[in-house]
């Protein structure tokens, strides 16, 4: 990852290392569809909340990366 950041979740880190960011998004979408299809007892609301939480984490990561880049440019 750029800027010296690192992923703390070993599963996500492995996906990023192997497939990159686009591969991570594809894997996340695939798993979401798999859960909705194979585990119909899980409400779509639960899946939506879980997806929302992971999107919030991704947004936080983007903010941290921007902050780190800005700090690196500062004198």
PDB file of N, CA and C in Angstrom:
ATOM      1  N   UNK A   1       0.836  -1.177   0.000  1.00  0.00           N
ATOM      2  CA  UNK A   1       0.000   0.000   0.000  1.00  0.00           C
ATOM      3  C   UNK A   1       0.883   1.243   0.000  1.00  0.00           C
ATOM      4  N   UNK A   2       0.377   2.257  -0.600  1.00  0.00           N
ATOM      5  CA  UNK A   2       1.140   3.495  -0.721  1.00  0.00           C
ATOM      6  C   UNK A   2       1.168   4.243   0.602  1.00  0.00           C
ATOM      7  N   UNK A   3       2.186   5.051   0.789  1.00  0.00           N
ATOM      8  CA  UNK A   3       2.259   5.925   1.946  1.00  0.00           C
ATOM      9  C   UNK A   3       2.671   5.258   3.232  1.00  0.00           C
ATOM     10  N   UNK A   4       3.091   4.007   3.177  1.00  0.00           N
ATOM     11  CA  UNK A   4       3.550   3.335   4.376  1.00  0.00           C
ATOM     12  C   UNK A   4       2.450   2.719   5.222  1.00  0.00           C
ATOM     13  N   UNK A   5       1.213   2.792   4.768  1.00  0.00           N
ATOM     14  CA  UNK A   5       0.116   2.186   5.530  1.00  0.00           C
ATOM     15  C   UNK A   5       0.142   0.674   5.325  1.00  0.00           C
ATOM     16  N   UNK A   6      -0.500  -0.029   6.231  1.00  0.00           N
ATOM     17  CA  UNK A   6      -0.589  -1.483   6.078  1.00  0.00           C
ATOM     18  C   UNK A   6      -1.944  -1.964   6.558  1.00  0.00           C
ATOM     19  N   UNK A   7      -2.379  -3.060   6.008  1.00  0.00           N
ATOM     20  CA  UNK A   7      -3.658  -3.665   6.366  1.00  0.00           C
ATOM     21  C   UNK A   7      -3.446  -4.561   7.579  1.00  0.00           C
ATOM     22  N   UNK A   8      -4.271  -4.376   8.604  1.00  0.00           N
ATOM     23  CA  UNK A   8      -4.132  -5.169   9.823  1.00  0.00           C
ATOM     24  C   UNK A   8      -4.862  -6.505   9.744  1.00  0.00           C
ATOM     25  N   UNK A   9      -5.890  -6.611   8.910  1.00  0.00           N
ATOM     26  CA  UNK A   9      -6.630  -7.859   8.761  1.00  0.00           C
ATOM     27  C   UNK A   9      -5.828  -8.771   7.832  1.00  0.00           C
ATOM     28  N   UNK A  10      -5.351  -9.916   8.326  1.00  0.00           N
ATOM     29  CA  UNK A  10      -4.500 -10.773   7.495  1.00  0.00           C
ATOM     30  C   UNK A  10      -5.201 -11.327   6.258  1.00  0.00           C
ATOM     31  N   UNK A  11      -6.505 -11.565   6.332  1.00  0.00           N
ATOM     32  CA  UNK A  11      -7.237 -12.071   5.171  1.00  0.00           C
ATOM     33  C   UNK A  11      -7.295 -10.996   4.087  1.00  0.00           C
ATOM     34  N   UNK A  12      -7.649  -9.784   4.485  1.00  0.00           N
ATOM     35  CA  UNK A  12      -7.715  -8.673   3.534  1.00  0.00           C
ATOM     36  C   UNK A  12      -6.318  -8.379   2.982  1.00  0.00           C
ATOM     37  N   UNK A  13      -5.314  -8.420   3.842  1.00  0.00           N
ATOM     38  CA  UNK A  13      -3.939  -8.171   3.390  1.00  0.00           C
ATOM     39  C   UNK A  13      -3.532  -9.188   2.319  1.00  0.00           C
ATOM     40  N   UNK A  14      -3.904 -10.445   2.511  1.00  0.00           N
ATOM     41  CA  UNK A  14      -3.566 -11.485   1.534  1.00  0.00           C
ATOM     42  C   UNK A  14      -4.285 -11.244   0.209  1.00  0.00           C
ATOM     43  N   UNK A  15      -5.556 -10.841   0.274  1.00  0.00           N
ATOM     44  CA  UNK A  15      -6.311 -10.562  -0.949  1.00  0.00           C
ATOM     45  C   UNK A  15      -5.685  -9.382  -1.682  1.00  0.00           C
ATOM     46  N   UNK A  16      -5.358  -8.313  -0.930  1.00  0.00           N
ATOM     47  CA  UNK A  16      -4.726  -7.147  -1.550  1.00  0.00           C
ATOM     48  C   UNK A  16      -3.385  -7.514  -2.172  1.00  0.00           C
ATOM     49  N   UNK A  17      -2.586  -8.298  -1.458  1.00  0.00           N
ATOM     50  CA  UNK A  17      -1.265  -8.662  -1.964  1.00  0.00           C
ATOM     51  C   UNK A  17      -1.376  -9.506  -3.233  1.00  0.00           C
ATOM     52  N   UNK A  18      -2.369 -10.363  -3.281  1.00  0.00           N
ATOM     53  CA  UNK A  18      -2.523 -11.268  -4.415  1.00  0.00           C
ATOM     54  C   UNK A  18      -3.262 -10.632  -5.584  1.00  0.00           C
ATOM     55  N   UNK A  19      -4.365  -9.936  -5.293  1.00  0.00           N
ATOM     56  CA  UNK A  19      -5.249  -9.461  -6.349  1.00  0.00           C
ATOM     57  C   UNK A  19      -5.284  -7.947  -6.537  1.00  0.00           C
ATOM     58  N   UNK A  20      -4.767  -7.201  -5.567  1.00  0.00           N
ATOM     59  CA  UNK A  20      -4.815  -5.742  -5.641  1.00  0.00           C
ATOM     60  C   UNK A  20      -6.177  -5.197  -5.247  1.00  0.00           C
ATOM     61  N   UNK A  21      -6.320  -3.886  -5.274  1.00  0.00           N
ATOM     62  CA  UNK A  21      -7.588  -3.265  -4.858  1.00  0.00           C
ATOM     63  C   UNK A  21      -8.794  -3.699  -5.695  1.00  0.00           C
ATOM     64  N   UNK A  22      -8.629  -3.785  -7.001  1.00  0.00           N
ATOM     65  CA  UNK A  22      -9.748  -4.195  -7.854  1.00  0.00           C
ATOM     66  C   UNK A  22     -10.157  -5.634  -7.540  1.00  0.00           C
ATOM     67  N   UNK A  23      -9.192  -6.485  -7.278  1.00  0.00           N
ATOM     68  CA  UNK A  23      -9.492  -7.863  -6.901  1.00  0.00           C
ATOM     69  C   UNK A  23     -10.209  -7.951  -5.577  1.00  0.00           C
ATOM     70  N   UNK A  24      -9.856  -7.050  -4.645  1.00  0.00           N
ATOM     71  CA  UNK A  24     -10.539  -7.021  -3.354  1.00  0.00           C
ATOM     72  C   UNK A  24     -12.007  -6.649  -3.535  1.00  0.00           C
ATOM     73  N   UNK A  25     -12.268  -5.643  -4.356  1.00  0.00           N
ATOM     74  CA  UNK A  25     -13.653  -5.234  -4.602  1.00  0.00           C
ATOM     75  C   UNK A  25     -14.432  -6.376  -5.254  1.00  0.00           C
ATOM     76  N   UNK A  26     -13.812  -7.044  -6.214  1.00  0.00           N
ATOM     77  CA  UNK A  26     -14.467  -8.172  -6.883  1.00  0.00           C
ATOM     78  C   UNK A  26     -14.743  -9.301  -5.896  1.00  0.00           C
ATOM     79  N   UNK A  27     -13.779  -9.585  -5.024  1.00  0.00           N
ATOM     80  CA  UNK A  27     -13.979 -10.644  -4.021  1.00  0.00           C
ATOM     81  C   UNK A  27     -15.098 -10.273  -3.063  1.00  0.00           C
ATOM     82  N   UNK A  28     -15.151  -9.026  -2.645  1.00  0.00           N
ATOM     83  CA  UNK A  28     -16.200  -8.575  -1.728  1.00  0.00           C
ATOM     84  C   UNK A  28     -17.574  -8.700  -2.376  1.00  0.00           C
ATOM     85  N   UNK A  29     -17.672  -8.285  -3.635  1.00  0.00           N
ATOM     86  CA  UNK A  29     -18.951  -8.423  -4.339  1.00  0.00           C
ATOM     87  C   UNK A  29     -19.347  -9.892  -4.485  1.00  0.00           C
ATOM     88  N   UNK A  30     -18.389 -10.720  -4.849  1.00  0.00           N
ATOM     89  CA  UNK A  30     -18.672 -12.146  -5.003  1.00  0.00           C
ATOM     90  C   UNK A  30     -19.142 -12.785  -3.719  1.00  0.00           C
ATOM     91  N   UNK A  31     -18.497 -12.453  -2.621  1.00  0.00           N
ATOM     92  CA  UNK A  31     -18.898 -13.021  -1.331  1.00  0.00           C
ATOM     93  C   UNK A  31     -20.273 -12.520  -0.924  1.00  0.00           C
ATOM     94  N   UNK A  32     -20.543 -11.237  -1.171  1.00  0.00           N
ATOM     95  CA  UNK A  32     -21.866 -10.688  -0.848  1.00  0.00           C
ATOM     96  C   UNK A  32     -22.952 -11.425  -1.618  1.00  0.00           C
ATOM     97  N   UNK A  33     -22.749 -11.615  -2.919  1.00  0.00           N
ATOM     98  CA  UNK A  33     -23.747 -12.331  -3.719  1.00  0.00           C
ATOM     99  C   UNK A  33     -23.872 -13.789  -3.289  1.00  0.00           C
ATOM    100  N   UNK A  34     -22.757 -14.415  -2.936  1.00  0.00           N
ATOM    101  CA  UNK A  34     -22.788 -15.795  -2.458  1.00  0.00           C
ATOM    102  C   UNK A  34     -23.611 -15.911  -1.184  1.00  0.00           C
ATOM    103  N   UNK A  35     -23.386 -15.014  -0.259  1.00  0.00           N
ATOM    104  CA  UNK A  35     -24.139 -15.039   1.002  1.00  0.00           C
ATOM    105  C   UNK A  35     -25.625 -14.846   0.738  1.00  0.00           C
ATOM    106  N   UNK A  36     -25.956 -13.870  -0.103  1.00  0.00           N
ATOM    107  CA  UNK A  36     -27.375 -13.633  -0.403  1.00  0.00           C
ATOM    108  C   UNK A  36     -28.019 -14.822  -1.097  1.00  0.00           C
ATOM    109  N   UNK A  37     -27.260 -15.501  -1.953  1.00  0.00           N
ATOM    110  CA  UNK A  37     -27.815 -16.635  -2.705  1.00  0.00           C
ATOM    111  C   UNK A  37     -27.870 -17.914  -1.877  1.00  0.00           C
ATOM    112  N   UNK A  38     -26.788 -18.247  -1.214  1.00  0.00           N
ATOM    113  CA  UNK A  38     -26.686 -19.528  -0.513  1.00  0.00           C
ATOM    114  C   UNK A  38     -27.289 -19.521   0.891  1.00  0.00           C
ATOM    115  N   UNK A  39     -27.309 -18.374   1.504  1.00  0.00           N
ATOM    116  CA  UNK A  39     -27.809 -18.283   2.871  1.00  0.00           C
ATOM    117  C   UNK A  39     -29.015 -17.358   2.901  1.00  0.00           C
ATOM    118  N   UNK A  40     -30.082 -17.816   2.288  1.00  0.00           N
ATOM    119  CA  UNK A  40     -31.267 -16.976   2.171  1.00  0.00           C
ATOM    120  C   UNK A  40     -31.897 -16.661   3.526  1.00  0.00           C
ATOM    121  N   UNK A  41     -31.533 -17.436   4.568  1.00  0.00           N
ATOM    122  CA  UNK A  41     -32.058 -17.156   5.900  1.00  0.00           C
ATOM    123  C   UNK A  41     -31.464 -15.870   6.470  1.00  0.00           C
ATOM    124  N   UNK A  42     -30.297 -15.483   5.982  1.00  0.00           N
ATOM    125  CA  UNK A  42     -29.686 -14.231   6.410  1.00  0.00           C
ATOM    126  C   UNK A  42     -30.425 -13.108   5.695  1.00  0.00           C
ATOM    127  N   UNK A  43     -30.968 -12.187   6.467  1.00  0.00           N
ATOM    128  CA  UNK A  43     -31.750 -11.122   5.845  1.00  0.00           C
ATOM    129  C   UNK A  43     -30.845 -10.205   5.032  1.00  0.00           C
ATOM    130  N   UNK A  44     -31.421  -9.662   3.983  1.00  0.00           N
ATOM    131  CA  UNK A  44     -30.653  -8.743   3.150  1.00  0.00           C
ATOM    132  C   UNK A  44     -30.279  -7.500   3.946  1.00  0.00           C
ATOM    133  N   UNK A  45     -31.052  -7.181   4.981  1.00  0.00           N
ATOM    134  CA  UNK A  45     -30.722  -6.051   5.854  1.00  0.00           C
ATOM    135  C   UNK A  45     -29.419  -6.283   6.591  1.00  0.00           C
ATOM    136  N   UNK A  46     -29.204  -7.495   7.070  1.00  0.00           N
ATOM    137  CA  UNK A  46     -27.963  -7.825   7.770  1.00  0.00           C
ATOM    138  C   UNK A  46     -26.781  -7.714   6.812  1.00  0.00           C
ATOM    139  N   UNK A  47     -26.960  -8.217   5.614  1.00  0.00           N
ATOM    140  CA  UNK A  47     -25.895  -8.132   4.616  1.00  0.00           C
ATOM    141  C   UNK A  47     -25.626  -6.664   4.264  1.00  0.00           C
ATOM    142  N   UNK A  48     -26.689  -5.869   4.155  1.00  0.00           N
ATOM    143  CA  UNK A  48     -26.528  -4.449   3.843  1.00  0.00           C
ATOM    144  C   UNK A  48     -25.774  -3.728   4.955  1.00  0.00           C
ATOM    145  N   UNK A  49     -26.087  -4.051   6.207  1.00  0.00           N
ATOM    146  CA  UNK A  49     -25.387  -3.422   7.334  1.00  0.00           C
ATOM    147  C   UNK A  49     -23.912  -3.824   7.327  1.00  0.00           C
ATOM    148  N   UNK A  50     -23.640  -5.112   7.122  1.00  0.00           N
ATOM    149  CA  UNK A  50     -22.252  -5.576   7.079  1.00  0.00           C
ATOM    150  C   UNK A  50     -21.502  -4.897   5.944  1.00  0.00           C
ATOM    151  N   UNK A  51     -22.152  -4.754   4.802  1.00  0.00           N
ATOM    152  CA  UNK A  51     -21.518  -4.090   3.670  1.00  0.00           C
ATOM    153  C   UNK A  51     -21.287  -2.616   3.984  1.00  0.00           C
ATOM    154  N   UNK A  52     -22.245  -1.990   4.642  1.00  0.00           N
ATOM    155  CA  UNK A  52     -22.099  -0.587   5.032  1.00  0.00           C
ATOM    156  C   UNK A  52     -20.941  -0.374   5.986  1.00  0.00           C
ATOM    157  N   UNK A  53     -20.779  -1.299   6.927  1.00  0.00           N
ATOM    158  CA  UNK A  53     -19.676  -1.198   7.888  1.00  0.00           C
ATOM    159  C   UNK A  53     -18.339  -1.314   7.167  1.00  0.00           C
ATOM    160  N   UNK A  54     -18.229  -2.245   6.239  1.00  0.00           N
ATOM    161  CA  UNK A  54     -16.966  -2.391   5.520  1.00  0.00           C
ATOM    162  C   UNK A  54     -16.706  -1.193   4.610  1.00  0.00           C
ATOM    163  N   UNK A  55     -17.775  -0.614   4.058  1.00  0.00           N
ATOM    164  CA  UNK A  55     -17.601   0.598   3.242  1.00  0.00           C
ATOM    165  C   UNK A  55     -17.149   1.764   4.120  1.00  0.00           C
ATOM    166  N   UNK A  56     -17.678   1.856   5.329  1.00  0.00           N
ATOM    167  CA  UNK A  56     -17.245   2.908   6.252  1.00  0.00           C
ATOM    168  C   UNK A  56     -15.766   2.734   6.600  1.00  0.00           C
ATOM    169  N   UNK A  57     -15.349   1.499   6.789  1.00  0.00           N
ATOM    170  CA  UNK A  57     -13.934   1.235   7.076  1.00  0.00           C
ATOM    171  C   UNK A  57     -13.072   1.641   5.883  1.00  0.00           C
ATOM    172  N   UNK A  58     -13.535   1.355   4.685  1.00  0.00           N
ATOM    173  CA  UNK A  58     -12.788   1.744   3.482  1.00  0.00           C
ATOM    174  C   UNK A  58     -12.713   3.261   3.359  1.00  0.00           C
ATOM    175  N   UNK A  59     -13.806   3.944   3.678  1.00  0.00           N
ATOM    176  CA  UNK A  59     -13.800   5.408   3.630  1.00  0.00           C
ATOM    177  C   UNK A  59     -12.819   5.971   4.659  1.00  0.00           C
ATOM    178  N   UNK A  60     -12.798   5.380   5.837  1.00  0.00           N
ATOM    179  CA  UNK A  60     -11.839   5.807   6.853  1.00  0.00           C
ATOM    180  C   UNK A  60     -10.415   5.589   6.375  1.00  0.00           C
ATOM    181  N   UNK A  61     -10.164   4.461   5.750  1.00  0.00           N
ATOM    182  CA  UNK A  61      -8.824   4.183   5.221  1.00  0.00           C
ATOM    183  C   UNK A  61      -8.421   5.230   4.186  1.00  0.00           C
ATOM    184  N   UNK A  62      -9.364   5.648   3.343  1.00  0.00           N
ATOM    185  CA  UNK A  62      -9.068   6.665   2.338  1.00  0.00           C
ATOM    186  C   UNK A  62      -8.709   7.995   3.005  1.00  0.00           C
ATOM    187  N   UNK A  63      -9.432   8.345   4.061  1.00  0.00           N
ATOM    188  CA  UNK A  63      -9.141   9.589   4.789  1.00  0.00           C
ATOM    189  C   UNK A  63      -7.750   9.512   5.414  1.00  0.00           C
ATOM    190  N   UNK A  64      -7.431   8.381   6.021  1.00  0.00           N
ATOM    191  CA  UNK A  64      -6.119   8.208   6.645  1.00  0.00           C
ATOM    192  C   UNK A  64      -5.021   8.308   5.592  1.00  0.00           C
ATOM    193  N   UNK A  65      -5.226   7.692   4.441  1.00  0.00           N
ATOM    194  CA  UNK A  65      -4.218   7.746   3.378  1.00  0.00           C
ATOM    195  C   UNK A  65      -4.005   9.176   2.889  1.00  0.00           C
ATOM    196  N   UNK A  66      -5.092   9.927   2.727  1.00  0.00           N
ATOM    197  CA  UNK A  66      -4.943  11.322   2.304  1.00  0.00           C
ATOM    198  C   UNK A  66      -4.187  12.119   3.352  1.00  0.00           C
ATOM    199  N   UNK A  67      -4.501  11.892   4.620  1.00  0.00           N
ATOM    200  CA  UNK A  67      -3.835  12.596   5.707  1.00  0.00           C
ATOM    201  C   UNK A  67      -2.351  12.262   5.726  1.00  0.00           C
ATOM    202  N   UNK A  68      -2.024  10.973   5.565  1.00  0.00           N
ATOM    203  CA  UNK A  68      -0.609  10.561   5.570  1.00  0.00           C
ATOM    204  C   UNK A  68       0.136  11.179   4.387  1.00  0.00           C
ATOM    205  N   UNK A  69      -0.505  11.243   3.228  1.00  0.00           N
ATOM    206  CA  UNK A  69       0.136  11.842   2.052  1.00  0.00           C
ATOM    207  C   UNK A  69       0.378  13.329   2.294  1.00  0.00           C
ATOM    208  N   UNK A  70      -0.589  14.004   2.882  1.00  0.00           N
ATOM    209  CA  UNK A  70      -0.437  15.436   3.178  1.00  0.00           C
ATOM    210  C   UNK A  70       0.695  15.667   4.185  1.00  0.00           C
ATOM    211  N   UNK A  71       0.770  14.823   5.206  1.00  0.00           N
ATOM    212  CA  UNK A  71       1.831  14.940   6.209  1.00  0.00           C
ATOM    213  C   UNK A  71       3.205  14.682   5.584  1.00  0.00           C
ATOM    214  N   UNK A  72       3.274  13.770   4.645  1.00  0.00           N
ATOM    215  CA  UNK A  72       4.542  13.451   3.989  1.00  0.00           C
ATOM    216  C   UNK A  72       5.033  14.625   3.131  1.00  0.00           C
ATOM    217  N   UNK A  73       4.107  15.404   2.572  1.00  0.00           N
ATOM    218  CA  UNK A  73       4.484  16.556   1.760  1.00  0.00           C
ATOM    219  C   UNK A  73       4.830  17.774   2.584  1.00  0.00           C
ATOM    220  N   UNK A  74       4.349  17.821   3.844  1.00  0.00           N
ATOM    221  CA  UNK A  74       4.580  18.993   4.698  1.00  0.00           C
ATOM    222  C   UNK A  74       6.073  19.086   5.059  1.00  0.00           C
ATOM    223  N   UNK A  75       6.583  20.344   5.175  1.00  0.00           N
ATOM    224  CA  UNK A  75       8.014  20.516   5.496  1.00  0.00           C
ATOM    225  C   UNK A  75       8.351  20.105   6.909  1.00  0.00           C
TER     226      UNK A  75
END
